[in-house]
Each structure stands twice: as structure tokens, then as C-alpha cells.
């Protein structure tokens, strides 16, 4: 059986056509805004990228090591252990804020 995505299910359950259309319009705008912002900031990103392009090979290697380490932690189930330690070290004020 076909299940509608949450945004369409919410819009189809709206009380009237205007409310459903408004919900879909807000969803579409939320989907479009990040792409529009990235188009506006593209030139600034290229300037940043050209300036720091010398560091990219090292950054790629560091990212690869982190990715492999996370894979090993996930495969050996030590990521859960580290998560348990992180939860234990989380301050109480942060828990109340969340």
C-alpha cells in the first residue's frame, strides 16, 4: 500500500483547501530557501575555496581517517559505548534546555 509523505498527509488532512495549500506552500518554500541561499553565497564560497585550496589535500586525508574511524567504531559497537560516556558527561543544564 502506498503511504503519503508526512507533508502531503498533513496537507490532505487539513480542514479546508486553503489550509492544505498553505501547508504545501510553506513546505515548498522551506525546500527552496536553502538552494536560493546557496546560489547567492556561491561566489563567496569560491573565493574562500581558492584561498584555502592548498589545505584541501590534508583536509581530505583527515576526513578520510575520521570516516574510517567512525566505521570501525560502528562495526565494533564501540560507538554506542562512546555515546553512553558522552551522555554521562553532559551537564544537567543542557538536559533541561533540550
N, C-alpha and C. Protein backbone atom coordinates (compact mmCIF):
# COMPACT_ATOMS: atom_id res chain seq x y z
N UNK A 1 0.84 -1.18 0.00
CA UNK A 1 0.00 0.00 0.00
C UNK A 1 0.88 1.24 0.00
N UNK A 2 0.45 2.25 -0.71
CA UNK A 2 1.19 3.49 -0.83
C UNK A 2 0.98 4.36 0.40
N UNK A 3 2.07 4.85 0.97
CA UNK A 3 1.98 5.76 2.11
C UNK A 3 2.41 7.15 1.67
N UNK A 4 1.60 8.13 1.94
CA UNK A 4 1.92 9.51 1.55
C UNK A 4 3.01 10.05 2.46
N UNK A 5 3.91 10.90 1.91
CA UNK A 5 4.90 11.55 2.76
C UNK A 5 4.20 12.39 3.83
N UNK A 6 4.89 12.64 4.95
CA UNK A 6 4.24 13.36 6.06
C UNK A 6 3.66 14.72 5.68
N UNK A 7 4.37 15.47 4.83
CA UNK A 7 3.87 16.80 4.49
C UNK A 7 2.58 16.71 3.67
N UNK A 8 2.50 15.73 2.78
CA UNK A 8 1.26 15.58 2.00
C UNK A 8 0.15 15.01 2.86
N UNK A 9 0.49 14.12 3.77
CA UNK A 9 -0.54 13.57 4.66
C UNK A 9 -1.11 14.67 5.54
N UNK A 10 -0.24 15.55 6.03
CA UNK A 10 -0.70 16.66 6.86
C UNK A 10 -1.56 17.61 6.04
N UNK A 11 -1.14 17.89 4.82
CA UNK A 11 -1.90 18.81 3.97
C UNK A 11 -3.23 18.20 3.55
N UNK A 12 -3.25 16.89 3.29
CA UNK A 12 -4.52 16.27 2.89
C UNK A 12 -5.49 16.16 4.06
N UNK A 13 -4.97 16.20 5.27
CA UNK A 13 -5.85 16.15 6.44
C UNK A 13 -6.27 17.51 6.94
N UNK A 14 -5.92 18.56 6.19
CA UNK A 14 -6.28 19.91 6.60
C UNK A 14 -7.79 20.09 6.54
N UNK A 15 -8.26 21.07 7.29
CA UNK A 15 -9.70 21.31 7.37
C UNK A 15 -10.30 21.84 6.08
N UNK A 16 -9.53 22.62 5.32
CA UNK A 16 -10.05 23.15 4.07
C UNK A 16 -8.92 23.25 3.04
N UNK A 17 -9.28 23.60 1.84
CA UNK A 17 -8.32 23.66 0.74
C UNK A 17 -7.27 24.74 0.97
N UNK A 18 -7.66 25.86 1.52
CA UNK A 18 -6.73 26.96 1.76
C UNK A 18 -5.65 26.56 2.75
N UNK A 19 -6.05 25.90 3.82
CA UNK A 19 -5.08 25.46 4.81
C UNK A 19 -4.13 24.42 4.23
N UNK A 20 -4.65 23.47 3.47
CA UNK A 20 -3.81 22.45 2.86
C UNK A 20 -2.84 23.05 1.86
N UNK A 21 -3.32 24.00 1.06
CA UNK A 21 -2.45 24.67 0.10
C UNK A 21 -1.38 25.48 0.81
N UNK A 22 -1.76 26.13 1.89
CA UNK A 22 -0.79 26.92 2.67
C UNK A 22 0.30 26.02 3.24
N UNK A 23 -0.09 24.87 3.77
CA UNK A 23 0.90 23.94 4.32
C UNK A 23 1.87 23.46 3.24
N UNK A 24 1.36 23.14 2.07
CA UNK A 24 2.24 22.71 0.98
C UNK A 24 3.12 23.86 0.49
N UNK A 25 2.61 25.09 0.48
CA UNK A 25 3.42 26.24 0.06
C UNK A 25 4.56 26.49 1.04
N UNK A 26 4.28 26.38 2.33
CA UNK A 26 5.34 26.56 3.33
C UNK A 26 6.38 25.45 3.20
N UNK A 27 5.93 24.23 2.95
CA UNK A 27 6.85 23.11 2.74
C UNK A 27 7.74 23.38 1.53
N UNK A 28 7.15 23.82 0.43
CA UNK A 28 7.92 24.09 -0.79
C UNK A 28 8.91 25.23 -0.57
N UNK A 29 8.49 26.27 0.16
CA UNK A 29 9.39 27.39 0.44
C UNK A 29 10.55 26.92 1.31
N UNK A 30 10.27 26.09 2.28
CA UNK A 30 11.33 25.56 3.14
C UNK A 30 12.30 24.69 2.38
N UNK A 31 11.83 24.05 1.33
CA UNK A 31 12.70 23.25 0.50
C UNK A 31 13.53 24.13 -0.44
N UNK A 32 12.98 25.23 -0.90
CA UNK A 32 13.64 26.09 -1.88
C UNK A 32 14.63 27.07 -1.25
N UNK A 33 14.38 27.53 -0.05
CA UNK A 33 15.22 28.58 0.57
C UNK A 33 16.69 28.17 0.68
N UNK A 34 17.04 26.97 1.14
CA UNK A 34 18.47 26.62 1.19
C UNK A 34 19.15 26.66 -0.18
N UNK A 35 18.44 26.25 -1.23
CA UNK A 35 19.03 26.30 -2.56
C UNK A 35 19.22 27.74 -3.03
N UNK A 36 18.27 28.60 -2.74
CA UNK A 36 18.40 30.01 -3.12
C UNK A 36 19.55 30.68 -2.36
N UNK A 37 19.67 30.39 -1.08
CA UNK A 37 20.77 30.96 -0.29
C UNK A 37 22.12 30.46 -0.77
N UNK A 38 22.20 29.19 -1.13
CA UNK A 38 23.48 28.67 -1.64
C UNK A 38 23.83 29.30 -2.98
N UNK A 39 22.84 29.61 -3.81
CA UNK A 39 23.11 30.29 -5.08
C UNK A 39 23.64 31.70 -4.84
N UNK A 40 23.09 32.38 -3.83
CA UNK A 40 23.54 33.74 -3.52
C UNK A 40 24.96 33.73 -2.96
N UNK A 41 25.28 32.73 -2.14
CA UNK A 41 26.59 32.67 -1.47
C UNK A 41 27.65 31.93 -2.28
N UNK A 42 27.35 31.53 -3.50
CA UNK A 42 28.28 30.70 -4.28
C UNK A 42 29.58 31.43 -4.59
N UNK A 43 29.52 32.69 -4.94
CA UNK A 43 30.73 33.45 -5.27
C UNK A 43 31.63 33.60 -4.04
N UNK A 44 31.03 33.86 -2.90
CA UNK A 44 31.82 33.96 -1.66
C UNK A 44 32.48 32.62 -1.33
N UNK A 45 31.77 31.53 -1.59
CA UNK A 45 32.35 30.21 -1.34
C UNK A 45 33.54 29.96 -2.27
N UNK A 46 33.43 30.35 -3.53
CA UNK A 46 34.54 30.15 -4.46
C UNK A 46 35.77 30.94 -4.04
N UNK A 47 35.56 32.16 -3.54
CA UNK A 47 36.67 32.96 -3.03
C UNK A 47 37.33 32.27 -1.85
N UNK A 48 36.52 31.77 -0.93
CA UNK A 48 37.03 31.03 0.23
C UNK A 48 37.78 29.78 -0.20
N UNK A 49 37.21 29.06 -1.16
CA UNK A 49 37.80 27.80 -1.62
C UNK A 49 39.14 28.05 -2.29
N UNK A 50 39.25 29.09 -3.10
CA UNK A 50 40.52 29.41 -3.76
C UNK A 50 41.60 29.77 -2.74
N UNK A 51 41.20 30.49 -1.70
CA UNK A 51 42.15 30.91 -0.68
C UNK A 51 42.70 29.72 0.10
N UNK A 52 41.85 28.75 0.41
CA UNK A 52 42.27 27.62 1.24
C UNK A 52 42.45 26.33 0.46
N UNK A 53 42.60 26.40 -0.85
CA UNK A 53 42.72 25.18 -1.65
C UNK A 53 44.01 24.43 -1.37
N UNK A 54 45.03 25.11 -0.85
CA UNK A 54 46.27 24.42 -0.51
C UNK A 54 46.08 23.43 0.63
N UNK A 55 45.10 23.68 1.48
CA UNK A 55 44.87 22.81 2.63
C UNK A 55 43.92 21.65 2.33
N UNK A 56 43.34 21.63 1.15
CA UNK A 56 42.32 20.62 0.83
C UNK A 56 42.85 19.18 0.85
N UNK A 57 44.05 18.89 0.31
CA UNK A 57 44.52 17.50 0.40
C UNK A 57 44.66 17.01 1.84
N UNK A 58 45.18 17.85 2.72
CA UNK A 58 45.31 17.46 4.12
C UNK A 58 43.93 17.30 4.76
N UNK A 59 43.02 18.18 4.42
CA UNK A 59 41.66 18.11 4.96
C UNK A 59 40.95 16.84 4.49
N UNK A 60 41.18 16.45 3.23
CA UNK A 60 40.60 15.22 2.73
C UNK A 60 41.15 14.00 3.46
N UNK A 61 42.44 14.01 3.75
CA UNK A 61 43.04 12.88 4.47
C UNK A 61 42.50 12.79 5.90
N UNK A 62 42.40 13.93 6.57
CA UNK A 62 41.86 13.94 7.93
C UNK A 62 40.41 13.46 7.92
N UNK A 63 39.63 13.93 6.96
CA UNK A 63 38.24 13.49 6.85
C UNK A 63 38.14 12.00 6.58
N UNK A 64 39.04 11.46 5.75
CA UNK A 64 39.05 10.03 5.48
C UNK A 64 39.38 9.22 6.71
N UNK A 65 40.35 9.69 7.50
CA UNK A 65 40.71 8.98 8.74
C UNK A 65 39.53 8.99 9.71
N UNK A 66 38.85 10.13 9.83
CA UNK A 66 37.69 10.22 10.72
C UNK A 66 36.58 9.29 10.24
N UNK A 67 36.37 9.23 8.93
CA UNK A 67 35.34 8.36 8.37
C UNK A 67 35.64 6.89 8.63
N UNK A 68 36.89 6.49 8.44
CA UNK A 68 37.28 5.10 8.70
C UNK A 68 37.16 4.79 10.19
N UNK A 69 37.59 5.73 11.04
CA UNK A 69 37.49 5.51 12.49
C UNK A 69 36.03 5.36 12.92
N UNK A 70 35.16 6.18 12.37
CA UNK A 70 33.73 6.05 12.71
C UNK A 70 33.17 4.72 12.23
N UNK A 71 33.61 4.26 11.06
CA UNK A 71 33.18 2.96 10.55
C UNK A 71 33.62 1.83 11.46
N UNK A 72 34.86 1.88 11.92
CA UNK A 72 35.37 0.85 12.84
C UNK A 72 34.59 0.90 14.15
N UNK A 73 34.36 2.09 14.69
CA UNK A 73 33.59 2.21 15.93
C UNK A 73 32.17 1.68 15.75
N UNK A 74 31.58 1.95 14.61
CA UNK A 74 30.22 1.46 14.36
C UNK A 74 30.21 -0.06 14.22
N UNK A 75 31.19 -0.61 13.50
CA UNK A 75 31.25 -2.05 13.26
C UNK A 75 31.50 -2.82 14.55
N UNK A 76 32.35 -2.28 15.43
CA UNK A 76 32.68 -2.96 16.68
C UNK A 76 31.72 -2.61 17.82
N UNK A 77 30.74 -1.77 17.55
CA UNK A 77 29.73 -1.35 18.52
C UNK A 77 30.30 -0.50 19.66
N UNK A 78 31.48 0.09 19.42
CA UNK A 78 32.04 0.99 20.41
C UNK A 78 31.48 2.40 20.29
N UNK A 79 30.80 2.68 19.21
CA UNK A 79 30.17 3.99 19.08
C UNK A 79 29.08 4.15 20.13
N UNK A 80 28.38 3.06 20.44
CA UNK A 80 27.35 3.09 21.48
C UNK A 80 27.99 3.34 22.84
N UNK A 81 29.15 2.72 23.07
CA UNK A 81 29.86 2.93 24.34
C UNK A 81 30.28 4.39 24.47
N UNK A 82 30.83 4.95 23.40
CA UNK A 82 31.22 6.36 23.44
C UNK A 82 30.02 7.27 23.63
N UNK A 83 28.90 6.91 23.03
CA UNK A 83 27.68 7.69 23.21
C UNK A 83 27.22 7.65 24.66
N UNK A 84 27.35 6.48 25.30
CA UNK A 84 26.98 6.36 26.71
C UNK A 84 27.86 7.26 27.58
N UNK A 85 29.17 7.28 27.29
CA UNK A 85 30.07 8.17 28.03
C UNK A 85 29.71 9.64 27.79
N UNK A 86 29.39 9.98 26.56
CA UNK A 86 29.04 11.37 26.24
C UNK A 86 27.76 11.79 26.96
N UNK A 87 26.80 10.90 27.04
CA UNK A 87 25.57 11.21 27.76
C UNK A 87 25.85 11.40 29.25
N UNK A 88 26.73 10.56 29.79
CA UNK A 88 27.07 10.68 31.22
C UNK A 88 27.80 11.98 31.51
N UNK A 89 28.55 12.48 30.54
CA UNK A 89 29.32 13.71 30.75
C UNK A 89 28.54 14.99 30.41
N UNK A 90 27.34 14.84 29.88
CA UNK A 90 26.53 16.00 29.51
C UNK A 90 26.03 16.71 30.77
N UNK A 91 26.25 18.02 30.89
CA UNK A 91 25.81 18.75 32.08
C UNK A 91 24.27 18.75 32.21
N UNK A 92 23.82 18.84 33.43
CA UNK A 92 22.38 18.80 33.70
C UNK A 92 21.65 19.98 33.08
N UNK A 93 22.27 21.17 33.05
CA UNK A 93 21.61 22.34 32.48
C UNK A 93 21.32 22.14 31.01
N UNK A 94 22.16 21.37 30.33
CA UNK A 94 21.91 21.12 28.92
C UNK A 94 20.73 20.17 28.73
N UNK A 95 20.57 19.21 29.62
CA UNK A 95 19.43 18.29 29.53
C UNK A 95 18.13 19.04 29.74
N UNK A 96 18.11 19.98 30.68
CA UNK A 96 16.89 20.74 30.92
C UNK A 96 16.59 21.69 29.76
N UNK A 97 17.62 22.14 29.05
CA UNK A 97 17.44 23.01 27.91
C UNK A 97 16.88 22.25 26.72
N UNK A 98 17.29 20.97 26.57
CA UNK A 98 16.79 20.17 25.46
C UNK A 98 15.38 19.77 25.73
